[in-house]
Amino acid sequence: MRNLENRGARLRLVASAALLCCAATGALASSHREAPFITTMPKVDGADFYMFRSYEPGRDNFVTLIANYLPLQDPYGGPNYFSMDADALYEIHVDNTGDGKEDLSFQFRFKNTLNDVALNVGGKQVAIPLIQAGGVAAGDSTKLNLTETYTVNVVRGDRRSGTRASVSNTNGGTTFVKPVDFIGQKTFASADAYNAYAAQYVHTVNIPGCSTPGRMFVGQRKDPFVVALGRTFDLINLNPLGGSNVNRDDLAEKNVTALEIEVPLSCLTSGDDVIGGWTTASVRQGRLIVPNPGSGNANAQKAGGAWTQVSRLGMPLVNEVVIGVKDKDKFNNSKPVDDGQFIDYVTNPTLPALIEILFPTAKAPTNFPRQDLVNTFLTGLKGVNQPKNVVASEMLRLNTAIPVTAKGSQKNLGVLAGDNAGFPNGRRPGDDVVDSALRVVMGVLCTLNNRDVFGCVPVDAPAGSAALTDGASVDDSFFDNAFPYLKAPIPGSPI
């Protein structure tokens, strides 16, 4: 399907197109290594963000927020595996007034404690080289050589100067244990044994300002994102007009670390049913490598100075295929309220034109400025998830008044398929945002023939009705029907 005429003259253009288009189908929903700087700091690389009314039976008055970090984890990645950055600040933000600013933030901080397990070897106590010294099971973590804990603060108002209070467990404690990664089925005996072990760390929590307790879990999960990644990077070596489930999911054997919190719906809204959400990670301005950090010191660096945001993720697609390469790090450093500086990338996007270069039958939309994309990414869709007093800014938006769709009845194309409880009205794990986003950028909203709302009609988007796909499908059957929803991680050793 590629137009290869005049190949020599267009080689650089096609290569550039491939670079961005690979992200179009390979990272629409996820932020795996999407900007130059973040590739150097994988522990603070936000991978995916989800926000949806809980569809676990009896929990529909709660909203689940999931921020995945540290992507592309190989399950066998020992001996250190995948602890979080103890010198970083991980945050989930909620805007409940539509002004593009956080009104509520959940701040996660981590701590790694080396237990310094040693063995008697020839009469000397010698530290072991592993993070476990034997089998681990539910109720027995005595063989772990490294304990990872975390705290969570709720900040109301500005994330740095607002009112701060600690999330606590039912006993009043404010320190929570993160389960160790699924090292393998000898350390944990079986997948069921790991599930039982990790389930201990699903905490019922008291959230400051909320009269009803919520739930929280932080730990390794199977990467929930599904995509034909290898084919995509090979000059989009797939058929975007072909079958929706014909290609291999290249993340099927990868894990991520999930930060999950389930919050009473009434604690998130403030005079408007629509809320916006996004996740960020920040590090201190200065980091100093510590030479010879000393015995028992789990950190070989010192950090200081003000917090500096290095990762940001709300709506899928944006930094991957909307923002130009030169501004990707700038976007990761920015706040939604300042997104006017990136408006040209939304109103005059390069991605559809690049798709047309590689697939000439997929004609790019011609309605400029692209009001349909402004609605999708910057304001929410009128009548679906647009706040009453919206300020254009990029974030995931959820109308909490729209009823839950039960597992088994969810449609993986969400709003495009008539299931308004799904993407882009928030995002559930089973929403196929790759296919949805491909269709949106190529003008599917123009087919609704509403120029007043979307600024376009069918003639403006010749490919708007095309069933574009990356060929790797996902739906709600891939996930559990209860918090924390995401499946247990792939074990480092399968037997």
Protein backbone atom coordinates (compact mmCIF):
# COMPACT_ATOMS: atom_id res chain seq x y z
CA MET A 1 0.00 0.00 0.00
CA ARG A 2 2.97 2.33 0.31
CA ASN A 3 3.60 4.82 -2.42
CA LEU A 4 7.25 4.26 -3.25
CA GLU A 5 7.46 6.36 -6.40
CA ASN A 6 10.28 8.87 -6.40
CA ARG A 7 11.70 6.97 -3.48
CA GLY A 8 15.08 8.62 -3.51
CA ALA A 9 13.67 12.14 -3.34
CA ARG A 10 11.25 11.24 -0.54
CA LEU A 11 13.39 8.91 1.53
CA ARG A 12 14.05 11.35 4.33
CA LEU A 13 10.40 12.43 4.42
CA VAL A 14 9.18 8.85 4.61
CA ALA A 15 11.70 8.07 7.34
CA SER A 16 10.46 11.06 9.29
CA ALA A 17 6.90 9.94 8.73
CA ALA A 18 7.72 6.48 9.97
CA LEU A 19 9.32 7.87 13.10
CA LEU A 20 6.13 9.64 14.10
CA CYS A 21 3.70 7.12 12.67
CA CYS A 22 5.32 4.33 14.60
CA ALA A 23 4.23 6.22 17.65
CA ALA A 24 0.80 6.66 16.10
CA THR A 25 0.07 2.98 16.31
CA GLY A 26 2.79 1.88 18.68
CA ALA A 27 2.36 4.32 21.52
CA LEU A 28 -0.99 6.00 21.08
CA ALA A 29 -2.08 5.09 24.54
CA SER A 30 1.16 4.71 26.29
CA SER A 31 4.12 6.89 26.98
CA HIS A 32 6.85 4.31 26.72
CA ARG A 33 10.06 6.30 26.09
CA GLU A 34 8.17 9.02 24.23
CA ALA A 35 10.53 11.97 24.75
CA PRO A 36 14.31 12.24 24.48
CA PHE A 37 15.10 13.11 28.10
CA ILE A 38 12.78 10.58 29.72
CA THR A 39 14.64 7.73 28.01
CA THR A 40 17.48 8.44 30.46
CA MET A 41 15.24 8.09 33.53
CA PRO A 42 13.04 5.00 33.08
CA LYS A 43 11.93 4.89 36.73
CA VAL A 44 10.00 8.13 36.30
CA ASP A 45 8.68 7.37 32.81
CA GLY A 46 4.88 7.41 32.92
CA ALA A 47 3.55 4.63 30.71
CA ASP A 48 -0.26 4.81 30.85
CA PHE A 49 -2.99 6.68 32.73
CA TYR A 50 -6.50 5.36 33.38
CA MET A 51 -9.49 7.03 35.03
CA PHE A 52 -12.92 5.40 35.13
CA ARG A 53 -15.91 4.77 37.34
CA SER A 54 -15.22 1.49 39.09
CA TYR A 55 -17.11 -1.31 37.38
CA GLU A 56 -16.51 -3.88 40.12
CA PRO A 57 -20.03 -4.86 41.28
CA GLY A 58 -21.16 -2.63 44.14
CA ARG A 59 -18.36 -0.06 43.62
CA ASP A 60 -19.86 2.21 40.96
CA ASN A 61 -19.84 5.17 43.37
CA PHE A 62 -16.03 5.14 43.22
CA VAL A 63 -13.55 6.29 40.60
CA THR A 64 -10.39 4.29 39.96
CA LEU A 65 -7.22 6.18 39.03
CA ILE A 66 -4.26 4.19 37.68
CA ALA A 67 -0.86 5.59 36.77
CA ASN A 68 1.60 3.09 35.31
CA TYR A 69 5.33 3.78 35.49
CA LEU A 70 8.62 2.15 34.54
CA PRO A 71 7.51 0.54 31.27
CA LEU A 72 8.96 -2.32 29.25
CA GLN A 73 9.92 -4.38 32.31
CA ASP A 74 11.38 -7.73 31.33
CA PRO A 75 10.06 -10.16 33.96
CA TYR A 76 13.49 -11.80 34.27
CA GLY A 77 15.19 -8.45 35.04
CA GLY A 78 17.07 -9.55 38.15
CA PRO A 79 18.83 -9.40 40.43
CA ASN A 80 17.53 -5.90 41.24
CA TYR A 81 14.20 -6.03 39.42
CA PHE A 82 12.15 -2.83 39.35
CA SER A 83 11.99 -0.69 42.46
CA MET A 84 10.73 2.88 42.20
CA ASP A 85 12.90 5.99 42.51
CA ALA A 86 13.22 6.96 46.17
CA ASP A 87 14.30 10.47 45.17
CA ALA A 88 11.30 11.13 42.92
CA LEU A 89 7.77 12.42 43.44
CA TYR A 90 4.98 10.59 41.62
CA GLU A 91 1.64 12.37 41.39
CA ILE A 92 -1.93 11.87 40.17
CA HIS A 93 -3.77 15.17 39.67
CA VAL A 94 -7.49 15.96 39.44
CA ASP A 95 -9.02 19.17 38.08
CA ASN A 96 -12.67 19.41 39.17
CA THR A 97 -13.36 23.00 38.11
CA GLY A 98 -12.34 22.85 34.45
CA ASP A 99 -9.68 25.57 34.72
CA GLY A 100 -6.69 23.43 33.72
CA LYS A 101 -5.21 23.48 37.23
CA GLU A 102 -5.00 20.72 39.81
CA ASP A 103 -7.52 20.92 42.66
CA LEU A 104 -6.53 17.60 44.19
CA SER A 105 -3.25 15.71 43.98
CA PHE A 106 -2.20 12.30 45.29
CA GLN A 107 1.55 12.31 45.92
CA PHE A 108 3.48 9.02 46.17
CA ARG A 109 6.97 8.83 47.71
CA PHE A 110 9.02 5.63 47.96
CA LYS A 111 11.70 4.31 50.29
CA ASN A 112 13.98 1.30 49.82
CA THR A 113 15.31 -0.40 52.93
CA LEU A 114 18.16 -2.89 52.57
CA ASN A 115 17.73 -5.67 55.11
CA ASP A 116 21.32 -6.81 54.53
CA VAL A 117 20.64 -10.54 54.68
CA ALA A 118 23.92 -12.42 55.10
CA LEU A 119 25.01 -16.05 55.08
CA ASN A 120 27.64 -17.69 57.24
CA VAL A 121 30.34 -18.69 54.79
CA GLY A 122 33.44 -20.22 56.35
CA GLY A 123 32.78 -18.48 59.64
CA LYS A 124 32.13 -15.05 58.11
CA GLN A 125 28.80 -13.30 57.60
CA VAL A 126 28.72 -12.32 53.94
CA ALA A 127 25.96 -10.25 52.30
CA ILE A 128 23.98 -12.11 49.63
CA PRO A 129 23.81 -10.77 46.02
CA LEU A 130 20.05 -11.24 45.62
CA ILE A 131 16.96 -9.41 46.87
CA GLN A 132 15.57 -12.64 48.27
CA ALA A 133 17.16 -15.33 50.40
CA GLY A 134 14.50 -17.98 49.96
CA GLY A 135 10.86 -18.58 49.22
CA VAL A 136 8.33 -15.79 49.78
CA ALA A 137 4.65 -16.35 50.51
CA ALA A 138 1.58 -14.57 51.77
CA GLY A 139 2.18 -13.73 55.42
CA ASP A 140 5.91 -14.50 55.24
CA SER A 141 8.28 -11.92 53.79
CA THR A 142 11.16 -12.75 56.12
CA LYS A 143 13.34 -13.91 53.22
CA LEU A 144 13.25 -10.56 51.42
CA ASN A 145 16.53 -8.69 51.37
CA LEU A 146 14.98 -5.40 50.19
CA THR A 147 11.77 -3.85 51.50
CA GLU A 148 10.08 -1.15 49.46
CA THR A 149 7.58 1.11 51.23
CA TYR A 150 5.68 4.22 50.26
CA THR A 151 3.62 7.06 51.64
CA VAL A 152 0.81 9.01 50.00
CA ASN A 153 -0.20 12.60 50.68
CA VAL A 154 -3.35 14.31 49.48
CA VAL A 155 -2.83 17.94 48.51
CA ARG A 156 -5.82 20.20 47.98
CA GLY A 157 -5.11 23.22 45.83
CA ASP A 158 -1.75 23.91 44.24
CA ARG A 159 0.42 20.80 44.29
CA ARG A 160 3.32 22.59 46.00
CA SER A 161 1.60 25.12 48.27
CA GLY A 162 -1.81 23.58 48.99
CA THR A 163 -3.13 21.90 52.13
CA ARG A 164 -1.44 18.56 52.70
CA ALA A 165 -2.54 15.49 54.69
CA SER A 166 -1.57 11.81 54.77
CA VAL A 167 -3.52 8.84 53.47
CA SER A 168 -3.69 6.22 56.24
CA ASN A 169 -4.70 2.61 56.63
CA THR A 170 -7.51 1.44 58.89
CA ASN A 171 -5.12 1.28 61.85
CA GLY A 172 -3.94 4.85 61.31
CA GLY A 173 -0.57 3.94 59.82
CA THR A 174 0.74 6.06 56.97
CA THR A 175 3.45 3.77 55.60
CA PHE A 176 2.47 1.08 53.11
CA VAL A 177 4.41 -1.90 51.79
CA LYS A 178 4.85 -2.45 48.06
CA PRO A 179 4.97 -6.13 47.12
CA VAL A 180 8.17 -7.33 45.55
CA ASP A 181 8.04 -8.09 41.83
CA PHE A 182 7.11 -11.55 40.56
CA ILE A 183 10.67 -12.88 40.63
CA GLY A 184 9.60 -16.35 39.55
CA GLN A 185 7.70 -19.49 40.42
CA LYS A 186 10.38 -20.94 42.65
CA THR A 187 10.52 -17.86 44.85
CA PHE A 188 6.69 -17.79 44.97
CA ALA A 189 5.86 -21.46 44.29
CA SER A 190 3.13 -20.62 41.74
CA ALA A 191 1.18 -17.84 40.07
CA ASP A 192 -1.63 -18.39 42.55
CA ALA A 193 0.84 -18.03 45.40
CA TYR A 194 2.07 -14.71 44.02
CA ASN A 195 -1.53 -13.52 43.62
CA ALA A 196 -2.22 -14.35 47.27
CA TYR A 197 0.98 -12.58 48.32
CA ALA A 198 0.24 -9.41 46.31
CA ALA A 199 -3.41 -9.35 47.46
CA GLN A 200 -2.17 -8.59 50.99
CA TYR A 201 -1.14 -5.17 49.74
CA VAL A 202 -4.54 -4.07 48.47
CA HIS A 203 -5.15 -1.58 51.27
CA THR A 204 -8.38 -0.09 52.54
CA VAL A 205 -7.45 3.53 53.19
CA ASN A 206 -8.73 6.67 54.82
CA ILE A 207 -8.42 9.58 52.38
CA PRO A 208 -8.32 13.01 54.06
CA GLY A 209 -11.50 14.94 53.30
CA CYS A 210 -13.47 11.82 52.33
CA SER A 211 -16.04 10.32 54.69
CA THR A 212 -15.94 6.93 52.95
CA PRO A 213 -12.74 4.83 52.83
CA GLY A 214 -11.15 4.06 49.50
CA ARG A 215 -8.67 1.44 48.33
CA MET A 216 -5.08 1.54 47.17
CA PHE A 217 -2.54 -0.75 45.55
CA VAL A 218 0.98 -0.15 44.31
CA GLY A 219 2.88 -2.97 42.69
CA GLN A 220 4.02 -4.76 39.58
CA ARG A 221 1.33 -5.72 37.04
CA LYS A 222 1.31 -7.13 33.55
CA ASP A 223 1.56 -4.26 31.08
CA PRO A 224 -2.09 -3.66 30.11
CA PHE A 225 -1.27 -1.91 26.85
CA VAL A 226 -1.71 -4.00 23.70
CA VAL A 227 0.05 -3.10 20.44
CA ALA A 228 1.86 -4.61 17.45
CA LEU A 229 4.98 -2.68 18.33
CA GLY A 230 7.62 -4.41 16.21
CA ARG A 231 5.66 -4.21 12.98
CA THR A 232 4.86 -0.59 13.68
CA PHE A 233 8.48 0.47 14.04
CA ASP A 234 9.30 -1.30 10.78
CA LEU A 235 7.86 1.51 8.61
CA ILE A 236 4.35 0.62 9.82
CA ASN A 237 4.71 -2.89 8.43
CA LEU A 238 1.04 -3.73 8.93
CA ASN A 239 -2.28 -3.14 7.24
CA PRO A 240 -4.14 -0.30 9.00
CA LEU A 241 -7.24 -1.16 6.99
CA GLY A 242 -7.04 -4.87 7.79
CA GLY A 243 -8.28 -7.05 10.63
CA SER A 244 -8.34 -5.72 14.18
CA ASN A 245 -6.89 -8.85 15.77
CA VAL A 246 -4.32 -10.26 13.35
CA ASN A 247 -1.02 -9.05 14.80
CA ARG A 248 1.03 -10.08 17.82
CA ASP A 249 0.88 -8.01 21.01
CA ASP A 250 4.55 -7.21 21.49
CA LEU A 251 3.97 -6.17 25.13
CA ALA A 252 2.40 -9.50 26.05
CA GLU A 253 5.50 -10.49 28.02
CA LYS A 254 6.20 -7.08 29.62
CA ASN A 255 5.34 -5.71 33.06
CA VAL A 256 4.86 -2.23 34.52
CA THR A 257 4.52 -0.79 38.03
CA ALA A 258 1.01 0.46 38.79
CA LEU A 259 0.05 3.20 41.24
CA GLU A 260 -3.66 2.67 41.85
CA ILE A 261 -6.12 4.46 44.10
CA GLU A 262 -9.91 4.10 44.24
CA VAL A 263 -11.60 7.26 45.52
CA PRO A 264 -15.25 7.92 46.44
CA LEU A 265 -16.81 9.76 43.53
CA SER A 266 -18.19 12.47 45.83
CA CYS A 267 -14.64 13.34 46.94
CA LEU A 268 -13.52 14.14 43.41
CA THR A 269 -16.30 16.38 42.08
CA SER A 270 -17.02 20.01 42.96
CA GLY A 271 -20.15 21.44 41.38
CA ASP A 272 -19.54 19.69 38.06
CA ASP A 273 -19.87 16.01 37.20
CA VAL A 274 -16.87 16.21 34.86
CA ILE A 275 -13.35 15.84 36.27
CA GLY A 276 -9.99 15.92 34.52
CA GLY A 277 -6.97 13.86 35.46
CA TRP A 278 -3.31 13.35 34.60
CA THR A 279 -0.16 11.98 36.16
CA THR A 280 3.29 13.50 36.54
CA ALA A 281 6.67 12.57 37.95
CA SER A 282 9.19 15.05 39.30
CA VAL A 283 12.79 14.85 40.48
CA ARG A 284 14.99 17.25 42.41
CA GLN A 285 16.89 19.80 40.34
CA GLY A 286 20.23 18.44 41.49
CA ARG A 287 21.49 14.87 41.79
CA LEU A 288 24.94 14.05 43.10
CA ILE A 289 26.52 10.64 42.67
CA VAL A 290 27.91 9.40 45.98
CA PRO A 291 31.26 7.58 45.59
CA ASN A 292 31.57 4.56 47.83
CA PRO A 293 28.12 5.00 49.38
CA GLY A 294 28.94 2.61 52.18
CA SER A 295 27.57 -0.62 53.58
CA GLY A 296 23.82 -0.77 53.97
CA ASN A 297 23.16 2.34 51.88
CA ALA A 298 20.57 1.50 49.23
CA ASN A 299 21.08 4.84 47.50
CA ALA A 300 24.24 5.84 45.67
CA GLN A 301 23.18 9.43 45.09
CA LYS A 302 22.02 12.55 46.87
CA ALA A 303 19.26 14.79 45.55
CA GLY A 304 18.38 18.39 46.37
CA GLY A 305 16.77 21.56 45.12
CA ALA A 306 13.24 22.26 43.94
CA TRP A 307 11.06 19.61 42.34
CA THR A 308 11.29 19.60 38.54
CA GLN A 309 8.60 17.83 36.52
CA VAL A 310 10.05 15.44 33.93
CA SER A 311 7.08 13.27 32.96
CA ARG A 312 3.44 14.05 32.16
CA LEU A 313 0.62 11.90 30.83
CA GLY A 314 -3.13 12.49 30.52
CA MET A 315 -4.90 11.79 27.24
CA PRO A 316 -3.28 9.14 25.10
CA LEU A 317 -1.46 10.10 21.91
CA VAL A 318 -0.52 13.68 22.69
CA ASN A 319 3.22 13.74 23.36
CA GLU A 320 3.78 10.72 21.14
CA VAL A 321 2.22 11.86 17.86
CA VAL A 322 0.93 15.40 18.28
CA ILE A 323 3.84 17.28 19.87
CA GLY A 324 6.89 17.83 17.65
CA VAL A 325 10.15 16.17 18.64
CA LYS A 326 11.76 19.49 19.57
CA ASP A 327 9.00 20.19 22.14
CA LYS A 328 8.48 16.73 23.64
CA ASP A 329 10.65 17.40 26.70
CA LYS A 330 9.03 20.82 27.04
CA PHE A 331 5.59 19.19 27.07
CA ASN A 332 6.70 16.78 29.79
CA ASN A 333 7.83 19.78 31.86
CA SER A 334 4.59 21.73 31.34
CA LYS A 335 1.22 22.08 33.07
CA PRO A 336 -2.19 21.77 31.38
CA VAL A 337 -3.09 25.41 32.04
CA ASP A 338 -0.17 26.45 29.79
CA ASP A 339 -1.10 24.25 26.83
CA GLY A 340 -1.88 27.21 24.60
CA GLN A 341 1.80 27.16 23.68
CA PHE A 342 1.24 23.84 21.89
CA ILE A 343 -2.02 24.74 20.09
CA ASP A 344 -0.61 24.59 16.54
CA TYR A 345 0.26 20.93 17.02
CA VAL A 346 -3.44 20.22 17.63
CA THR A 347 -5.12 22.54 15.13
CA ASN A 348 -2.65 21.78 12.32
CA PRO A 349 -1.40 18.25 13.08
CA THR A 350 1.32 16.57 11.06
CA LEU A 351 0.36 12.98 11.84
CA PRO A 352 -2.57 12.61 9.40
CA ALA A 353 -0.45 14.00 6.57
CA LEU A 354 2.36 11.60 7.44
CA ILE A 355 -0.06 8.66 7.46
CA GLU A 356 -1.24 9.70 4.00
CA ILE A 357 2.37 9.67 2.74
CA LEU A 358 2.81 6.03 3.70
CA PHE A 359 -0.78 4.99 2.89
CA PRO A 360 -2.06 7.21 0.06
CA THR A 361 -5.55 5.66 0.20
CA ALA A 362 -5.95 7.05 3.74
CA LYS A 363 -6.57 10.68 2.79
CA ALA A 364 -5.87 13.16 5.58
CA PRO A 365 -8.62 15.50 6.81
CA THR A 366 -8.62 18.99 5.33
CA ASN A 367 -10.56 20.95 7.97
CA PHE A 368 -8.11 23.47 9.41
CA PRO A 369 -7.97 24.44 12.18
CA ARG A 370 -8.89 20.93 13.46
CA GLN A 371 -11.70 21.80 15.88
CA ASP A 372 -12.53 18.10 16.17
CA LEU A 373 -9.10 17.46 17.71
CA VAL A 374 -9.39 20.50 19.97
CA ASN A 375 -12.62 18.99 21.31
CA THR A 376 -11.08 15.58 21.76
CA PHE A 377 -7.81 16.54 23.43
CA LEU A 378 -8.25 20.02 24.91
CA THR A 379 -11.87 20.57 25.97
CA GLY A 380 -13.70 17.27 26.05
CA LEU A 381 -16.71 16.45 23.85
CA LYS A 382 -19.77 18.63 24.34
CA GLY A 383 -22.58 16.57 25.82
CA VAL A 384 -20.18 13.81 26.84
CA ASN A 385 -17.25 14.96 28.98
CA GLN A 386 -16.80 18.71 28.54
CA PRO A 387 -16.68 20.68 31.83
CA LYS A 388 -19.12 23.56 32.32
CA ASN A 389 -16.40 26.23 32.41
CA VAL A 390 -13.66 24.55 30.45
CA VAL A 391 -10.28 26.10 29.78
CA ALA A 392 -8.61 24.39 26.84
CA SER A 393 -5.95 22.10 28.30
CA GLU A 394 -4.80 18.55 27.72
CA MET A 395 -5.93 15.93 30.23
CA LEU A 396 -8.10 12.82 30.44
CA ARG A 397 -11.70 13.87 31.22
CA LEU A 398 -14.41 11.76 32.84
CA ASN A 399 -18.10 12.51 33.21
CA THR A 400 -18.84 10.81 36.51
CA ALA A 401 -22.62 11.04 35.90
CA ILE A 402 -22.47 8.56 33.03
CA PRO A 403 -23.43 5.10 34.34
CA VAL A 404 -20.95 2.25 34.48
CA THR A 405 -20.94 -0.38 31.77
CA ALA A 406 -20.42 -3.81 33.36
CA LYS A 407 -17.54 -6.07 32.40
CA GLY A 408 -18.62 -8.27 29.53
CA SER A 409 -20.80 -5.53 28.06
CA GLN A 410 -18.09 -2.93 27.51
CA LYS A 411 -17.29 -1.97 23.93
CA ASN A 412 -13.59 -1.54 23.34
CA LEU A 413 -14.07 1.48 21.07
CA GLY A 414 -15.92 3.28 23.85
CA VAL A 415 -17.81 6.39 22.75
CA LEU A 416 -17.19 5.63 19.06
CA ALA A 417 -19.13 2.39 19.53
CA GLY A 418 -21.93 3.94 21.61
CA ASP A 419 -20.49 3.01 25.01
CA ASN A 420 -20.21 6.43 26.64
CA ALA A 421 -18.64 4.97 29.79
CA GLY A 422 -15.43 4.39 27.82
CA PHE A 423 -12.70 6.32 26.04
CA PRO A 424 -12.45 9.25 25.47
CA ASN A 425 -14.81 9.65 28.42
CA GLY A 426 -12.06 8.63 30.80
CA ARG A 427 -10.24 5.44 29.98
CA ARG A 428 -10.82 1.85 31.12
CA PRO A 429 -8.19 -0.89 30.83
CA GLY A 430 -10.20 -2.63 28.10
CA ASP A 431 -10.57 0.39 25.84
CA ASP A 432 -8.71 -0.04 22.55
CA VAL A 433 -7.41 3.50 22.45
CA VAL A 434 -4.96 2.75 19.64
CA ASP A 435 -7.75 2.06 17.17
CA SER A 436 -9.97 4.81 18.61
CA ALA A 437 -7.26 7.44 18.45
CA LEU A 438 -6.22 6.48 14.91
CA ARG A 439 -9.80 6.98 13.77
CA VAL A 440 -10.14 10.30 15.58
CA VAL A 441 -6.97 11.80 14.11
CA MET A 442 -8.11 10.72 10.64
CA GLY A 443 -11.46 12.49 11.09
CA VAL A 444 -14.09 10.06 12.36
CA LEU A 445 -15.84 12.89 14.23
CA CYS A 446 -16.34 14.68 10.90
CA THR A 447 -18.63 11.84 9.84
CA LEU A 448 -21.14 13.03 12.47
CA ASN A 449 -21.84 15.95 10.11
CA ASN A 450 -21.94 18.60 12.84
CA ARG A 451 -19.86 21.55 11.70
CA ASP A 452 -21.07 23.72 14.59
CA VAL A 453 -19.50 21.37 17.15
CA PHE A 454 -16.61 19.70 15.34
CA GLY A 455 -15.82 22.23 12.62
CA CYS A 456 -16.09 19.64 9.87
CA VAL A 457 -18.42 17.45 7.79
CA PRO A 458 -17.82 14.13 5.99
CA VAL A 459 -16.37 15.70 2.85
CA ASP A 460 -13.54 17.16 4.98
CA ALA A 461 -12.34 13.70 6.07
CA PRO A 462 -12.31 11.13 3.23
CA ALA A 463 -10.84 8.47 5.54
CA GLY A 464 -13.07 9.39 8.47
CA SER A 465 -15.23 6.30 8.16
CA ALA A 466 -12.30 3.90 7.69
CA ALA A 467 -11.90 1.21 10.36
CA LEU A 468 -8.24 1.99 11.04
CA THR A 469 -6.43 -0.46 13.31
CA ASP A 470 -2.98 -1.63 14.37
CA GLY A 471 -4.23 -5.21 14.23
CA ALA A 472 -3.69 -5.92 17.95
CA SER A 473 -6.97 -5.76 19.81
CA VAL A 474 -7.77 -5.41 23.52
CA ASP A 475 -11.06 -5.61 25.41
CA ASP A 476 -12.36 -6.01 28.96
CA SER A 477 -11.85 -9.79 28.92
CA PHE A 478 -8.11 -9.13 29.34
CA PHE A 479 -8.68 -7.72 32.84
CA ASP A 480 -10.15 -8.61 36.21
CA ASN A 481 -13.60 -7.55 37.39
CA ALA A 482 -12.33 -6.14 40.67
CA PHE A 483 -9.77 -3.69 41.97
CA PRO A 484 -6.88 -3.47 41.12
CA TYR A 485 -8.24 -4.68 37.73
CA LEU A 486 -4.85 -5.14 36.03
CA LYS A 487 -3.61 -8.71 35.79
CA ALA A 488 -0.81 -10.12 37.92
CA PRO A 489 2.65 -9.68 36.39
CA ILE A 490 4.43 -12.15 34.13
CA PRO A 491 6.83 -14.24 36.28
CA GLY A 492 10.56 -13.93 35.77
CA SER A 493 10.83 -17.70 35.73
CA PRO A 494 7.86 -19.57 34.28
CA ILE A 495 8.51 -22.89 36.01
